[in-house]
Amino acid sequence: MAKIEKLIRKLLANPKDLTWEELKKILSHFGYEEIKTAGSSSRKFLDDKKNLISGLHKPHSNDRLKTYQIKIVIEHLKEIGKLNND
């Protein structure tokens, strides 16, 4: 199994240990680029079709994502058809 497939499976399992870097790799695989907001830890991700993921904050201390952040990403990717709904 390819490394990206393992990361996607990890994302879908709603883990407590998904890192910011792993999320960036997953979203990059789906064509998203990170957009930094000046003076803030708030981040958005945008793809070439102008699909936007917002409401994410880059973690400061341990680089681990919060459960709500993982849920936002999964719901968005399913909604636009980049992930299966099963």
N, C-alpha and C. Protein backbone atom coordinates (compact mmCIF):
# COMPACT_ATOMS: atom_id res chain seq x y z
N MET A 1 0.85 -1.18 0.00
CA MET A 1 0.00 0.00 0.00
C MET A 1 0.89 1.24 0.00
N ALA A 2 0.55 2.20 -0.82
CA ALA A 2 1.33 3.43 -0.92
C ALA A 2 1.23 4.24 0.37
N LYS A 3 2.25 5.04 0.61
CA LYS A 3 2.31 5.86 1.82
C LYS A 3 1.11 6.79 1.94
N ILE A 4 0.70 7.41 0.84
CA ILE A 4 -0.43 8.34 0.88
C ILE A 4 -1.73 7.60 1.21
N GLU A 5 -1.87 6.39 0.71
CA GLU A 5 -3.07 5.60 1.03
C GLU A 5 -3.13 5.30 2.52
N LYS A 6 -1.98 5.03 3.12
CA LYS A 6 -1.94 4.79 4.57
C LYS A 6 -2.33 6.04 5.33
N LEU A 7 -1.86 7.19 4.87
CA LEU A 7 -2.22 8.44 5.54
C LEU A 7 -3.71 8.74 5.41
N ILE A 8 -4.29 8.46 4.24
CA ILE A 8 -5.72 8.68 4.06
C ILE A 8 -6.52 7.75 4.96
N ARG A 9 -6.10 6.50 5.07
CA ARG A 9 -6.78 5.56 5.97
C ARG A 9 -6.68 6.03 7.42
N LYS A 10 -5.53 6.56 7.77
CA LYS A 10 -5.34 7.09 9.12
C LYS A 10 -6.30 8.26 9.37
N LEU A 11 -6.39 9.17 8.41
CA LEU A 11 -7.31 10.30 8.52
C LEU A 11 -8.74 9.82 8.76
N LEU A 12 -9.17 8.84 7.97
CA LEU A 12 -10.55 8.35 8.05
C LEU A 12 -10.84 7.62 9.36
N ALA A 13 -9.80 7.22 10.07
CA ALA A 13 -9.98 6.53 11.35
C ALA A 13 -10.12 7.52 12.52
N ASN A 14 -10.14 8.82 12.21
CA ASN A 14 -10.25 9.87 13.24
C ASN A 14 -9.22 9.69 14.36
N PRO A 15 -7.95 9.67 14.01
CA PRO A 15 -6.92 9.39 15.01
C PRO A 15 -6.68 10.57 15.95
N LYS A 16 -6.07 10.28 17.06
CA LYS A 16 -5.69 11.32 18.01
C LYS A 16 -4.27 11.82 17.75
N ASP A 17 -3.57 11.17 16.80
CA ASP A 17 -2.17 11.50 16.59
C ASP A 17 -1.84 11.95 15.16
N LEU A 18 -2.82 12.43 14.41
CA LEU A 18 -2.55 12.93 13.06
C LEU A 18 -1.84 14.27 13.18
N THR A 19 -0.72 14.40 12.50
CA THR A 19 0.05 15.64 12.61
C THR A 19 -0.33 16.62 11.51
N TRP A 20 0.08 17.86 11.72
CA TRP A 20 -0.15 18.92 10.74
C TRP A 20 0.54 18.58 9.42
N GLU A 21 1.75 18.06 9.50
CA GLU A 21 2.50 17.70 8.29
C GLU A 21 1.81 16.57 7.53
N GLU A 22 1.26 15.60 8.25
CA GLU A 22 0.52 14.51 7.59
C GLU A 22 -0.72 15.06 6.89
N LEU A 23 -1.42 15.99 7.55
CA LEU A 23 -2.59 16.61 6.93
C LEU A 23 -2.19 17.34 5.66
N LYS A 24 -1.10 18.09 5.70
CA LYS A 24 -0.64 18.82 4.52
C LYS A 24 -0.32 17.87 3.37
N LYS A 25 0.27 16.72 3.67
CA LYS A 25 0.57 15.73 2.63
C LYS A 25 -0.71 15.19 2.01
N ILE A 26 -1.70 14.90 2.84
CA ILE A 26 -2.98 14.38 2.35
C ILE A 26 -3.65 15.41 1.46
N LEU A 27 -3.74 16.63 1.94
CA LEU A 27 -4.42 17.68 1.17
C LEU A 27 -3.66 18.02 -0.11
N SER A 28 -2.35 17.98 -0.07
CA SER A 28 -1.54 18.19 -1.26
C SER A 28 -1.84 17.11 -2.30
N HIS A 29 -2.00 15.89 -1.84
CA HIS A 29 -2.36 14.78 -2.73
C HIS A 29 -3.66 15.07 -3.48
N PHE A 30 -4.59 15.73 -2.81
CA PHE A 30 -5.88 16.07 -3.42
C PHE A 30 -5.85 17.42 -4.13
N GLY A 31 -4.68 18.02 -4.25
CA GLY A 31 -4.54 19.25 -5.02
C GLY A 31 -4.70 20.55 -4.25
N TYR A 32 -4.63 20.49 -2.94
CA TYR A 32 -4.80 21.69 -2.11
C TYR A 32 -3.46 22.33 -1.78
N GLU A 33 -3.49 23.66 -1.67
CA GLU A 33 -2.33 24.42 -1.22
C GLU A 33 -2.72 25.17 0.05
N GLU A 34 -1.77 25.27 0.96
CA GLU A 34 -2.00 25.97 2.22
C GLU A 34 -1.96 27.47 2.00
N ILE A 35 -2.93 28.16 2.60
CA ILE A 35 -2.97 29.62 2.57
C ILE A 35 -2.80 30.10 4.00
N LYS A 36 -1.75 30.86 4.24
CA LYS A 36 -1.49 31.39 5.58
C LYS A 36 -2.16 32.74 5.73
N THR A 37 -2.72 32.97 6.89
CA THR A 37 -3.33 34.25 7.21
C THR A 37 -2.31 35.08 8.00
N ALA A 38 -2.09 36.28 7.60
CA ALA A 38 -1.07 37.12 8.22
C ALA A 38 -1.30 37.27 9.72
N GLY A 39 -0.24 37.01 10.48
CA GLY A 39 -0.28 37.24 11.93
C GLY A 39 -1.14 36.28 12.70
N SER A 40 -1.41 35.12 12.17
CA SER A 40 -2.32 34.19 12.83
C SER A 40 -1.90 32.75 12.56
N SER A 41 -2.36 31.84 13.41
CA SER A 41 -2.12 30.42 13.17
C SER A 41 -3.25 29.83 12.33
N SER A 42 -4.22 30.65 11.99
CA SER A 42 -5.34 30.21 11.15
C SER A 42 -4.84 29.88 9.75
N ARG A 43 -5.30 28.75 9.22
CA ARG A 43 -4.89 28.33 7.89
C ARG A 43 -6.11 27.93 7.08
N LYS A 44 -5.99 28.10 5.78
CA LYS A 44 -7.00 27.65 4.83
C LYS A 44 -6.27 26.84 3.78
N PHE A 45 -7.03 25.97 3.12
CA PHE A 45 -6.48 25.18 2.02
C PHE A 45 -7.40 25.36 0.83
N LEU A 46 -6.80 25.59 -0.33
CA LEU A 46 -7.55 25.88 -1.55
C LEU A 46 -7.03 24.99 -2.68
N ASP A 47 -7.97 24.43 -3.47
CA ASP A 47 -7.53 23.66 -4.63
C ASP A 47 -7.75 24.46 -5.90
N ASP A 48 -7.40 23.89 -7.04
CA ASP A 48 -7.48 24.63 -8.31
C ASP A 48 -8.91 24.88 -8.76
N LYS A 49 -9.88 24.19 -8.16
CA LYS A 49 -11.30 24.41 -8.48
C LYS A 49 -11.96 25.35 -7.49
N LYS A 50 -11.13 26.00 -6.68
CA LYS A 50 -11.57 26.98 -5.68
C LYS A 50 -12.36 26.36 -4.53
N ASN A 51 -12.18 25.04 -4.30
CA ASN A 51 -12.74 24.40 -3.12
C ASN A 51 -11.90 24.83 -1.93
N LEU A 52 -12.55 25.36 -0.90
CA LEU A 52 -11.86 25.94 0.24
C LEU A 52 -12.15 25.16 1.52
N ILE A 53 -11.09 24.85 2.24
CA ILE A 53 -11.21 24.29 3.59
C ILE A 53 -10.73 25.37 4.54
N SER A 54 -11.60 25.79 5.44
CA SER A 54 -11.21 26.83 6.41
C SER A 54 -11.57 26.34 7.81
N GLY A 55 -11.27 27.15 8.80
CA GLY A 55 -11.57 26.78 10.18
C GLY A 55 -10.49 25.92 10.81
N LEU A 56 -9.31 25.91 10.21
CA LEU A 56 -8.21 25.13 10.76
C LEU A 56 -7.16 26.05 11.36
N HIS A 57 -6.60 25.63 12.47
CA HIS A 57 -5.51 26.36 13.10
C HIS A 57 -4.33 25.42 13.23
N LYS A 58 -3.18 25.89 12.80
CA LYS A 58 -1.97 25.08 12.93
C LYS A 58 -1.65 24.92 14.40
N PRO A 59 -1.50 23.67 14.86
CA PRO A 59 -1.16 23.44 16.27
C PRO A 59 0.19 24.05 16.64
N HIS A 60 0.31 24.51 17.86
CA HIS A 60 1.54 25.16 18.30
C HIS A 60 2.48 24.23 19.06
N SER A 61 1.94 23.51 20.02
CA SER A 61 2.82 22.78 20.93
C SER A 61 3.21 21.39 20.43
N ASN A 62 2.25 20.53 20.15
CA ASN A 62 2.61 19.15 19.84
C ASN A 62 2.35 18.75 18.39
N ASP A 63 1.92 19.66 17.56
CA ASP A 63 1.71 19.42 16.12
C ASP A 63 0.58 18.44 15.83
N ARG A 64 -0.20 18.05 16.82
CA ARG A 64 -1.31 17.11 16.63
C ARG A 64 -2.60 17.88 16.38
N LEU A 65 -3.39 17.37 15.43
CA LEU A 65 -4.66 18.01 15.11
C LEU A 65 -5.72 17.67 16.13
N LYS A 66 -6.65 18.57 16.32
CA LYS A 66 -7.81 18.33 17.18
C LYS A 66 -8.85 17.52 16.41
N THR A 67 -9.69 16.82 17.13
CA THR A 67 -10.72 15.98 16.52
C THR A 67 -11.63 16.79 15.59
N TYR A 68 -12.01 17.99 15.99
CA TYR A 68 -12.90 18.81 15.16
C TYR A 68 -12.25 19.17 13.83
N GLN A 69 -10.94 19.36 13.82
CA GLN A 69 -10.23 19.69 12.59
C GLN A 69 -10.26 18.52 11.61
N ILE A 70 -10.05 17.34 12.12
CA ILE A 70 -10.09 16.13 11.29
C ILE A 70 -11.49 15.97 10.70
N LYS A 71 -12.51 16.21 11.52
CA LYS A 71 -13.89 16.10 11.07
C LYS A 71 -14.18 17.10 9.94
N ILE A 72 -13.70 18.33 10.07
CA ILE A 72 -13.89 19.35 9.03
C ILE A 72 -13.32 18.88 7.70
N VAL A 73 -12.10 18.35 7.75
CA VAL A 73 -11.42 17.90 6.53
C VAL A 73 -12.14 16.72 5.90
N ILE A 74 -12.48 15.72 6.71
CA ILE A 74 -13.17 14.54 6.17
C ILE A 74 -14.50 14.93 5.54
N GLU A 75 -15.30 15.72 6.24
CA GLU A 75 -16.60 16.13 5.71
C GLU A 75 -16.45 16.90 4.40
N HIS A 76 -15.48 17.79 4.34
CA HIS A 76 -15.26 18.57 3.12
C HIS A 76 -14.87 17.66 1.95
N LEU A 77 -13.91 16.78 2.18
CA LEU A 77 -13.44 15.90 1.10
C LEU A 77 -14.54 14.95 0.62
N LYS A 78 -15.39 14.51 1.53
CA LYS A 78 -16.52 13.65 1.14
C LYS A 78 -17.56 14.46 0.36
N GLU A 79 -17.83 15.66 0.82
CA GLU A 79 -18.83 16.52 0.20
C GLU A 79 -18.50 16.82 -1.27
N ILE A 80 -17.23 17.03 -1.57
CA ILE A 80 -16.85 17.35 -2.94
C ILE A 80 -16.45 16.11 -3.75
N GLY A 81 -16.61 14.93 -3.15
CA GLY A 81 -16.39 13.68 -3.88
C GLY A 81 -14.95 13.19 -3.97
N LYS A 82 -14.08 13.73 -3.13
CA LYS A 82 -12.68 13.26 -3.16
C LYS A 82 -12.46 12.07 -2.25
N LEU A 83 -13.40 11.81 -1.35
CA LEU A 83 -13.37 10.64 -0.48
C LEU A 83 -14.72 9.95 -0.58
N ASN A 84 -14.72 8.63 -0.42
CA ASN A 84 -15.97 7.87 -0.43
C ASN A 84 -16.75 8.13 0.84
N ASN A 85 -18.06 7.99 0.76
CA ASN A 85 -18.92 8.22 1.93
C ASN A 85 -19.14 6.97 2.76
N ASP A 86 -18.31 5.95 2.58
CA ASP A 86 -18.50 4.74 3.41
C ASP A 86 -17.54 4.65 4.54
